[in-house]
Amino acid sequence: MLIFESALFSVSQGWLTGWKVKDKTSGAITVPNAVLKSQIGLVWIQVRKTKKHLSLDSAQSEDLLFFSFAKAVRDPSGSDGKLWTSLQPDILADLIISEANKTVNDPFHKPSWW
């Protein structure tokens, strides 16, 4: 099932196939490592439900969540990969929501870790 799609990435999840990230520029499909698989489930539930009330635009928060996740899967040693592997899920959810809220007010805002 397709969960997220942007001009650069698509993120899908299947019952039997698990998480997959497709890089649209190269066509490469990458499967997240065990840490990222665990993190996405824990962070997504917080952004989508537990902390949804903190979002100015919950769809924007989820879009940023999946875009950052896709970048982390494609390059685990990059800035997004380091965030996803080093922060606790609740802290990462707060950071994503905070950065998404900034983009609601300023469409040209880029998250601080980019």
N, C-alpha and C. Protein backbone atom coordinates (compact mmCIF):
# COMPACT_ATOMS: atom_id res chain seq x y z
N MET A 1 0.85 -1.17 0.00
CA MET A 1 0.00 0.00 0.00
C MET A 1 0.90 1.24 0.00
N LEU A 2 0.62 2.14 -0.88
CA LEU A 2 1.36 3.39 -0.97
C LEU A 2 0.96 4.29 0.18
N ILE A 3 1.92 4.69 0.99
CA ILE A 3 1.67 5.52 2.17
C ILE A 3 1.97 6.99 1.89
N PHE A 4 3.03 7.24 1.12
CA PHE A 4 3.50 8.61 0.87
C PHE A 4 4.12 8.66 -0.51
N GLU A 5 3.90 9.81 -1.17
CA GLU A 5 4.51 10.01 -2.48
C GLU A 5 4.86 11.48 -2.65
N SER A 6 6.09 11.73 -3.10
CA SER A 6 6.53 13.08 -3.44
C SER A 6 7.20 13.00 -4.81
N ALA A 7 7.76 14.11 -5.24
CA ALA A 7 8.46 14.12 -6.52
C ALA A 7 9.73 13.27 -6.48
N LEU A 8 10.29 13.09 -5.27
CA LEU A 8 11.56 12.36 -5.15
C LEU A 8 11.41 10.93 -4.64
N PHE A 9 10.44 10.68 -3.74
CA PHE A 9 10.33 9.39 -3.09
C PHE A 9 8.90 8.90 -3.05
N SER A 10 8.77 7.58 -2.93
CA SER A 10 7.50 7.00 -2.53
C SER A 10 7.81 6.01 -1.40
N VAL A 11 6.91 5.96 -0.44
CA VAL A 11 7.06 5.05 0.70
C VAL A 11 5.83 4.16 0.71
N SER A 12 6.08 2.86 0.76
CA SER A 12 4.97 1.91 0.79
C SER A 12 5.19 0.89 1.89
N GLN A 13 4.09 0.28 2.28
CA GLN A 13 4.14 -0.75 3.31
C GLN A 13 3.19 -1.86 2.90
N GLY A 14 3.66 -3.07 2.98
CA GLY A 14 2.83 -4.22 2.66
C GLY A 14 2.83 -5.20 3.81
N TRP A 15 1.72 -5.90 3.96
CA TRP A 15 1.60 -6.86 5.06
C TRP A 15 2.71 -7.90 4.99
N LEU A 16 2.97 -8.42 3.83
CA LEU A 16 4.00 -9.44 3.66
C LEU A 16 5.35 -8.87 3.22
N THR A 17 5.33 -7.73 2.59
CA THR A 17 6.56 -7.17 2.04
C THR A 17 7.24 -6.16 2.96
N GLY A 18 6.54 -5.61 3.93
CA GLY A 18 7.13 -4.62 4.83
C GLY A 18 7.29 -3.25 4.18
N TRP A 19 8.15 -2.44 4.78
CA TRP A 19 8.39 -1.07 4.32
C TRP A 19 9.33 -1.07 3.12
N LYS A 20 9.06 -0.18 2.17
CA LYS A 20 9.94 0.01 1.02
C LYS A 20 9.95 1.49 0.65
N VAL A 21 11.12 1.96 0.28
CA VAL A 21 11.28 3.34 -0.17
C VAL A 21 11.81 3.29 -1.60
N LYS A 22 11.10 3.97 -2.49
CA LYS A 22 11.55 4.04 -3.89
C LYS A 22 12.08 5.44 -4.16
N ASP A 23 13.29 5.49 -4.65
CA ASP A 23 13.91 6.74 -5.08
C ASP A 23 13.48 6.94 -6.53
N LYS A 24 12.67 7.95 -6.78
CA LYS A 24 12.11 8.15 -8.12
C LYS A 24 13.14 8.64 -9.13
N THR A 25 14.22 9.23 -8.67
CA THR A 25 15.23 9.70 -9.61
C THR A 25 16.05 8.56 -10.18
N SER A 26 16.29 7.54 -9.38
CA SER A 26 17.09 6.41 -9.85
C SER A 26 16.28 5.14 -10.07
N GLY A 27 15.10 5.07 -9.49
CA GLY A 27 14.29 3.86 -9.58
C GLY A 27 14.66 2.82 -8.54
N ALA A 28 15.67 3.10 -7.71
CA ALA A 28 16.13 2.15 -6.70
C ALA A 28 15.10 1.99 -5.59
N ILE A 29 14.93 0.76 -5.16
CA ILE A 29 14.04 0.46 -4.04
C ILE A 29 14.91 0.00 -2.88
N THR A 30 14.70 0.59 -1.71
CA THR A 30 15.48 0.29 -0.53
C THR A 30 14.56 -0.13 0.60
N VAL A 31 14.99 -1.12 1.35
CA VAL A 31 14.26 -1.59 2.52
C VAL A 31 14.98 -1.05 3.75
N PRO A 32 14.24 -0.47 4.70
CA PRO A 32 14.89 0.08 5.89
C PRO A 32 15.50 -1.02 6.76
N ASN A 33 16.55 -0.64 7.49
CA ASN A 33 17.15 -1.58 8.43
C ASN A 33 16.22 -1.75 9.64
N ALA A 34 16.57 -2.64 10.54
CA ALA A 34 15.71 -2.99 11.68
C ALA A 34 15.42 -1.78 12.58
N VAL A 35 16.41 -0.94 12.80
CA VAL A 35 16.22 0.24 13.65
C VAL A 35 15.20 1.19 13.02
N LEU A 36 15.35 1.45 11.73
CA LEU A 36 14.42 2.37 11.06
C LEU A 36 13.01 1.78 10.97
N LYS A 37 12.90 0.47 10.78
CA LYS A 37 11.58 -0.18 10.78
C LYS A 37 10.88 0.02 12.12
N SER A 38 11.62 -0.14 13.16
CA SER A 38 11.05 0.03 14.50
C SER A 38 10.66 1.49 14.74
N GLN A 39 11.55 2.39 14.39
CA GLN A 39 11.32 3.82 14.61
C GLN A 39 10.10 4.34 13.86
N ILE A 40 9.94 3.94 12.59
CA ILE A 40 8.84 4.50 11.81
C ILE A 40 7.50 4.15 12.43
N GLY A 41 7.36 2.94 12.92
CA GLY A 41 6.11 2.55 13.56
C GLY A 41 5.82 3.36 14.81
N LEU A 42 6.84 3.56 15.62
CA LEU A 42 6.67 4.29 16.88
C LEU A 42 6.46 5.79 16.67
N VAL A 43 7.19 6.37 15.72
CA VAL A 43 7.08 7.80 15.47
C VAL A 43 5.78 8.12 14.73
N TRP A 44 5.43 7.30 13.76
CA TRP A 44 4.22 7.54 12.98
C TRP A 44 2.97 7.55 13.86
N ILE A 45 2.86 6.63 14.79
CA ILE A 45 1.68 6.59 15.65
C ILE A 45 1.59 7.86 16.51
N GLN A 46 2.73 8.38 16.92
CA GLN A 46 2.72 9.61 17.71
C GLN A 46 2.33 10.81 16.87
N VAL A 47 2.89 10.92 15.68
CA VAL A 47 2.56 12.05 14.81
C VAL A 47 1.11 11.98 14.36
N ARG A 48 0.65 10.78 14.09
CA ARG A 48 -0.70 10.61 13.54
C ARG A 48 -1.79 10.67 14.60
N LYS A 49 -1.51 10.19 15.81
CA LYS A 49 -2.56 10.11 16.83
C LYS A 49 -2.20 10.80 18.13
N THR A 50 -1.20 10.29 18.82
CA THR A 50 -0.88 10.75 20.18
C THR A 50 -0.60 12.24 20.25
N LYS A 51 0.17 12.76 19.31
CA LYS A 51 0.58 14.17 19.35
C LYS A 51 -0.04 14.99 18.21
N LYS A 52 -1.07 14.46 17.57
CA LYS A 52 -1.70 15.13 16.44
C LYS A 52 -2.18 16.54 16.81
N HIS A 53 -2.63 16.69 18.06
CA HIS A 53 -3.14 17.99 18.51
C HIS A 53 -2.07 19.09 18.50
N LEU A 54 -0.80 18.70 18.44
CA LEU A 54 0.29 19.68 18.41
C LEU A 54 0.56 20.21 17.00
N SER A 55 0.02 19.54 16.00
CA SER A 55 0.25 19.92 14.60
C SER A 55 -0.70 21.02 14.15
N LEU A 56 -0.15 22.02 13.49
CA LEU A 56 -0.99 23.04 12.85
C LEU A 56 -1.65 22.44 11.62
N ASP A 57 -0.97 21.52 10.95
CA ASP A 57 -1.49 20.83 9.77
C ASP A 57 -0.97 19.39 9.85
N SER A 58 -1.83 18.48 10.27
CA SER A 58 -1.38 17.10 10.51
C SER A 58 -0.90 16.42 9.23
N ALA A 59 -1.48 16.77 8.09
CA ALA A 59 -1.02 16.19 6.82
C ALA A 59 0.40 16.64 6.52
N GLN A 60 0.70 17.90 6.81
CA GLN A 60 2.06 18.42 6.60
C GLN A 60 3.06 17.70 7.51
N SER A 61 2.65 17.44 8.74
CA SER A 61 3.52 16.72 9.68
C SER A 61 3.80 15.31 9.17
N GLU A 62 2.78 14.63 8.69
CA GLU A 62 2.99 13.28 8.17
C GLU A 62 3.85 13.30 6.90
N ASP A 63 3.65 14.28 6.05
CA ASP A 63 4.47 14.39 4.85
C ASP A 63 5.94 14.57 5.21
N LEU A 64 6.22 15.43 6.17
CA LEU A 64 7.60 15.65 6.60
C LEU A 64 8.16 14.38 7.24
N LEU A 65 7.35 13.71 8.02
CA LEU A 65 7.76 12.45 8.64
C LEU A 65 8.23 11.45 7.58
N PHE A 66 7.41 11.23 6.56
CA PHE A 66 7.75 10.23 5.56
C PHE A 66 8.86 10.68 4.62
N PHE A 67 8.93 11.97 4.34
CA PHE A 67 10.03 12.45 3.50
C PHE A 67 11.36 12.26 4.24
N SER A 68 11.38 12.62 5.51
CA SER A 68 12.59 12.44 6.31
C SER A 68 12.93 10.95 6.46
N PHE A 69 11.92 10.13 6.66
CA PHE A 69 12.14 8.68 6.76
C PHE A 69 12.74 8.14 5.46
N ALA A 70 12.20 8.56 4.33
CA ALA A 70 12.71 8.11 3.03
C ALA A 70 14.18 8.51 2.87
N LYS A 71 14.51 9.73 3.26
CA LYS A 71 15.90 10.17 3.18
C LYS A 71 16.79 9.34 4.10
N ALA A 72 16.28 9.00 5.29
CA ALA A 72 17.05 8.19 6.23
C ALA A 72 17.28 6.78 5.70
N VAL A 73 16.28 6.21 5.07
CA VAL A 73 16.42 4.87 4.50
C VAL A 73 17.41 4.88 3.35
N ARG A 74 17.34 5.88 2.50
CA ARG A 74 18.25 5.96 1.35
C ARG A 74 19.69 6.23 1.76
N ASP A 75 19.87 6.99 2.85
CA ASP A 75 21.23 7.33 3.30
C ASP A 75 21.27 7.30 4.83
N PRO A 76 21.41 6.12 5.42
CA PRO A 76 21.41 6.01 6.89
C PRO A 76 22.53 6.79 7.58
N SER A 77 23.60 7.11 6.86
CA SER A 77 24.69 7.87 7.48
C SER A 77 24.52 9.38 7.31
N GLY A 78 23.48 9.80 6.58
CA GLY A 78 23.21 11.23 6.39
C GLY A 78 22.53 11.85 7.59
N SER A 79 22.20 13.13 7.50
CA SER A 79 21.63 13.85 8.64
C SER A 79 20.30 13.26 9.09
N ASP A 80 19.44 12.89 8.15
CA ASP A 80 18.16 12.29 8.53
C ASP A 80 18.37 10.91 9.15
N GLY A 81 19.27 10.14 8.57
CA GLY A 81 19.56 8.82 9.11
C GLY A 81 20.07 8.88 10.54
N LYS A 82 20.92 9.85 10.80
CA LYS A 82 21.46 10.01 12.16
C LYS A 82 20.36 10.40 13.14
N LEU A 83 19.45 11.29 12.71
CA LEU A 83 18.32 11.66 13.57
C LEU A 83 17.47 10.45 13.90
N TRP A 84 17.11 9.70 12.88
CA TRP A 84 16.22 8.56 13.06
C TRP A 84 16.83 7.46 13.92
N THR A 85 18.13 7.34 13.91
CA THR A 85 18.76 6.28 14.71
C THR A 85 19.23 6.75 16.08
N SER A 86 19.33 8.05 16.30
CA SER A 86 19.85 8.52 17.58
C SER A 86 18.80 9.08 18.53
N LEU A 87 17.67 9.54 18.01
CA LEU A 87 16.65 10.15 18.89
C LEU A 87 15.59 9.14 19.31
N GLN A 88 15.08 9.34 20.51
CA GLN A 88 13.95 8.54 20.99
C GLN A 88 12.72 8.91 20.16
N PRO A 89 11.80 7.96 19.97
CA PRO A 89 10.63 8.23 19.12
C PRO A 89 9.82 9.46 19.52
N ASP A 90 9.61 9.69 20.82
CA ASP A 90 8.81 10.85 21.21
C ASP A 90 9.53 12.16 20.92
N ILE A 91 10.84 12.19 21.06
CA ILE A 91 11.61 13.39 20.75
C ILE A 91 11.62 13.64 19.23
N LEU A 92 11.77 12.57 18.47
CA LEU A 92 11.75 12.70 17.01
C LEU A 92 10.38 13.17 16.53
N ALA A 93 9.31 12.65 17.11
CA ALA A 93 7.96 13.09 16.74
C ALA A 93 7.77 14.57 17.04
N ASP A 94 8.23 15.01 18.22
CA ASP A 94 8.13 16.43 18.57
C ASP A 94 8.90 17.30 17.59
N LEU A 95 10.10 16.87 17.22
CA LEU A 95 10.93 17.63 16.29
C LEU A 95 10.26 17.73 14.92
N ILE A 96 9.73 16.63 14.43
CA ILE A 96 9.07 16.63 13.12
C ILE A 96 7.84 17.53 13.13
N ILE A 97 7.04 17.44 14.17
CA ILE A 97 5.85 18.29 14.26
C ILE A 97 6.25 19.77 14.34
N SER A 98 7.25 20.07 15.13
CA SER A 98 7.72 21.45 15.27
C SER A 98 8.20 22.01 13.93
N GLU A 99 8.99 21.23 13.20
CA GLU A 99 9.50 21.69 11.91
C GLU A 99 8.37 21.81 10.88
N ALA A 100 7.42 20.88 10.92
CA ALA A 100 6.27 20.96 10.01
C ALA A 100 5.44 22.19 10.31
N ASN A 101 5.27 22.52 11.58
CA ASN A 101 4.52 23.72 11.95
C ASN A 101 5.19 24.98 11.40
N LYS A 102 6.51 24.99 11.36
CA LYS A 102 7.23 26.13 10.81
C LYS A 102 6.98 26.26 9.31
N THR A 103 6.84 25.12 8.61
CA THR A 103 6.61 25.18 7.17
C THR A 103 5.19 25.63 6.85
N VAL A 104 4.27 25.47 7.79
CA VAL A 104 2.90 25.96 7.58
C VAL A 104 2.93 27.48 7.51
N ASN A 105 3.72 28.09 8.36
CA ASN A 105 3.82 29.55 8.40
C ASN A 105 4.79 30.11 7.37
N ASP A 106 5.77 29.32 6.96
CA ASP A 106 6.77 29.76 5.99
C ASP A 106 7.03 28.60 5.03
N PRO A 107 6.38 28.59 3.88
CA PRO A 107 6.50 27.46 2.95
C PRO A 107 7.93 27.20 2.47
N PHE A 108 8.82 28.17 2.63
CA PHE A 108 10.20 27.99 2.19
C PHE A 108 11.12 27.53 3.31
N HIS A 109 10.56 27.33 4.50
CA HIS A 109 11.36 26.85 5.63
C HIS A 109 11.82 25.43 5.38
N LYS A 110 13.08 25.19 5.64
CA LYS A 110 13.62 23.83 5.56
C LYS A 110 13.94 23.37 6.97
N PRO A 111 13.66 22.12 7.29
CA PRO A 111 13.96 21.61 8.62
C PRO A 111 15.41 21.87 9.00
N SER A 112 15.63 22.11 10.25
CA SER A 112 16.96 22.52 10.74
C SER A 112 18.04 21.49 10.48
N TRP A 113 17.71 20.23 10.34
CA TRP A 113 18.74 19.20 10.13
C TRP A 113 19.09 19.01 8.67
N TRP A 114 18.45 19.72 7.73
CA TRP A 114 18.73 19.53 6.31
C TRP A 114 19.86 20.39 5.87
